[in-house]
Amino acid sequence: MIVVHRLNNSELIINAQHIESIEATPDSVITFSNDKKIIVRESASELVDKIIEYHQKIFQLSFKLTKEEE
């Protein structure tokens, strides 16, 4: 899950695994796998960074759990 902000600055927590695409228009448009779209304040590059950070956390947790099982 990542935190984003709508244009009115309200906080929204979304599932990064359901993001299909990000459009870099003057505002960033996130399209989900169900074709729902939201417009957010974060730039496309900020969103990509948040998604990468999210996946890194998942990988690190998975790796840690695997190591503990050994």
C-alpha atoms as a PDB file:
ATOM      1  CA  MET A   1       0.000   0.000   0.000  1.00  0.00           C
ATOM      2  CA  ILE A   2       1.220   3.503  -0.788  1.00  0.00           C
ATOM      3  CA  VAL A   3       0.030   6.925   0.358  1.00  0.00           C
ATOM      4  CA  VAL A   4      -1.016   9.456  -2.286  1.00  0.00           C
ATOM      5  CA  HIS A   5      -2.867  12.770  -2.152  1.00  0.00           C
ATOM      6  CA  ARG A   6      -5.879  13.852  -4.171  1.00  0.00           C
ATOM      7  CA  LEU A   7      -5.913  17.332  -5.686  1.00  0.00           C
ATOM      8  CA  ASN A   8      -7.773  18.641  -2.618  1.00  0.00           C
ATOM      9  CA  ASN A   9      -4.813  17.319  -0.557  1.00  0.00           C
ATOM     10  CA  SER A  10      -6.844  14.549   1.113  1.00  0.00           C
ATOM     11  CA  GLU A  11      -4.774  11.471   1.826  1.00  0.00           C
ATOM     12  CA  LEU A  12      -5.570   8.202   0.109  1.00  0.00           C
ATOM     13  CA  ILE A  13      -3.928   4.820   0.651  1.00  0.00           C
ATOM     14  CA  ILE A  14      -3.929   2.641  -2.460  1.00  0.00           C
ATOM     15  CA  ASN A  15      -2.808  -0.856  -3.329  1.00  0.00           C
ATOM     16  CA  ALA A  16       0.261  -0.461  -5.547  1.00  0.00           C
ATOM     17  CA  GLN A  17      -0.202  -3.961  -6.935  1.00  0.00           C
ATOM     18  CA  HIS A  18      -3.422  -2.910  -8.665  1.00  0.00           C
ATOM     19  CA  ILE A  19      -1.886   0.008 -10.588  1.00  0.00           C
ATOM     20  CA  GLU A  20      -2.034  -0.594 -14.325  1.00  0.00           C
ATOM     21  CA  SER A  21      -0.513   2.694 -15.514  1.00  0.00           C
ATOM     22  CA  ILE A  22       0.427   6.244 -14.543  1.00  0.00           C
ATOM     23  CA  GLU A  23      -0.137   9.148 -16.919  1.00  0.00           C
ATOM     24  CA  ALA A  24       2.035  12.226 -16.493  1.00  0.00           C
ATOM     25  CA  THR A  25      -0.355  14.987 -17.533  1.00  0.00           C
ATOM     26  CA  PRO A  26      -0.161  18.288 -15.673  1.00  0.00           C
ATOM     27  CA  ASP A  27      -1.479  16.130 -12.813  1.00  0.00           C
ATOM     28  CA  SER A  28      -0.773  12.416 -12.453  1.00  0.00           C
ATOM     29  CA  VAL A  29      -3.565  10.050 -13.444  1.00  0.00           C
ATOM     30  CA  ILE A  30      -3.389   6.568 -11.937  1.00  0.00           C
ATOM     31  CA  THR A  31      -5.306   3.844 -13.752  1.00  0.00           C
ATOM     32  CA  PHE A  32      -6.039   0.655 -11.849  1.00  0.00           C
ATOM     33  CA  SER A  33      -6.437  -2.842 -13.248  1.00  0.00           C
ATOM     34  CA  ASN A  34     -10.242  -2.450 -12.986  1.00  0.00           C
ATOM     35  CA  ASP A  35     -10.034   0.697 -15.217  1.00  0.00           C
ATOM     36  CA  LYS A  36     -10.879   3.040 -12.310  1.00  0.00           C
ATOM     37  CA  LYS A  37      -8.839   6.266 -12.447  1.00  0.00           C
ATOM     38  CA  ILE A  38      -7.803   8.807  -9.844  1.00  0.00           C
ATOM     39  CA  ILE A  39      -5.932  12.085 -10.158  1.00  0.00           C
ATOM     40  CA  VAL A  40      -3.229  12.736  -7.579  1.00  0.00           C
ATOM     41  CA  ARG A  41      -0.823  15.529  -6.641  1.00  0.00           C
ATOM     42  CA  GLU A  42       2.333  13.383  -6.740  1.00  0.00           C
ATOM     43  CA  SER A  43       4.368  13.423  -9.942  1.00  0.00           C
ATOM     44  CA  ALA A  44       4.709  10.261 -11.998  1.00  0.00           C
ATOM     45  CA  SER A  45       8.343   9.895 -10.897  1.00  0.00           C
ATOM     46  CA  GLU A  46       7.353  10.263  -7.222  1.00  0.00           C
ATOM     47  CA  LEU A  47       4.736   7.557  -7.705  1.00  0.00           C
ATOM     48  CA  VAL A  48       7.243   5.237  -9.356  1.00  0.00           C
ATOM     49  CA  ASP A  49       9.628   5.793  -6.429  1.00  0.00           C
ATOM     50  CA  LYS A  50       6.853   4.962  -3.937  1.00  0.00           C
ATOM     51  CA  ILE A  51       5.940   1.806  -5.860  1.00  0.00           C
ATOM     52  CA  ILE A  52       9.576   0.668  -5.994  1.00  0.00           C
ATOM     53  CA  GLU A  53       9.970   1.337  -2.259  1.00  0.00           C
ATOM     54  CA  TYR A  54       6.796  -0.666  -1.577  1.00  0.00           C
ATOM     55  CA  HIS A  55       8.054  -3.646  -3.596  1.00  0.00           C
ATOM     56  CA  GLN A  56      11.453  -3.473  -1.905  1.00  0.00           C
ATOM     57  CA  LYS A  57       9.784  -3.659   1.514  1.00  0.00           C
ATOM     58  CA  ILE A  58       7.757  -6.685   0.414  1.00  0.00           C
ATOM     59  CA  PHE A  59      10.878  -8.400  -0.943  1.00  0.00           C
ATOM     60  CA  GLN A  60      12.907  -7.649   2.198  1.00  0.00           C
ATOM     61  CA  LEU A  61      10.162  -9.003   4.446  1.00  0.00           C
ATOM     62  CA  SER A  62       9.823 -12.116   2.306  1.00  0.00           C
ATOM     63  CA  PHE A  63      13.597 -12.640   2.342  1.00  0.00           C
ATOM     64  CA  LYS A  64      13.710 -12.161   6.121  1.00  0.00           C
ATOM     65  CA  LEU A  65      10.905 -14.674   6.679  1.00  0.00           C
ATOM     66  CA  THR A  66      12.606 -17.193   4.386  1.00  0.00           C
ATOM     67  CA  LYS A  67      15.893 -16.823   6.275  1.00  0.00           C
ATOM     68  CA  GLU A  68      14.141 -17.302   9.626  1.00  0.00           C
ATOM     69  CA  GLU A  69      12.611 -20.567   8.392  1.00  0.00           C
ATOM     70  CA  GLU A  70      16.019 -22.026   7.514  1.00  0.00           C
END
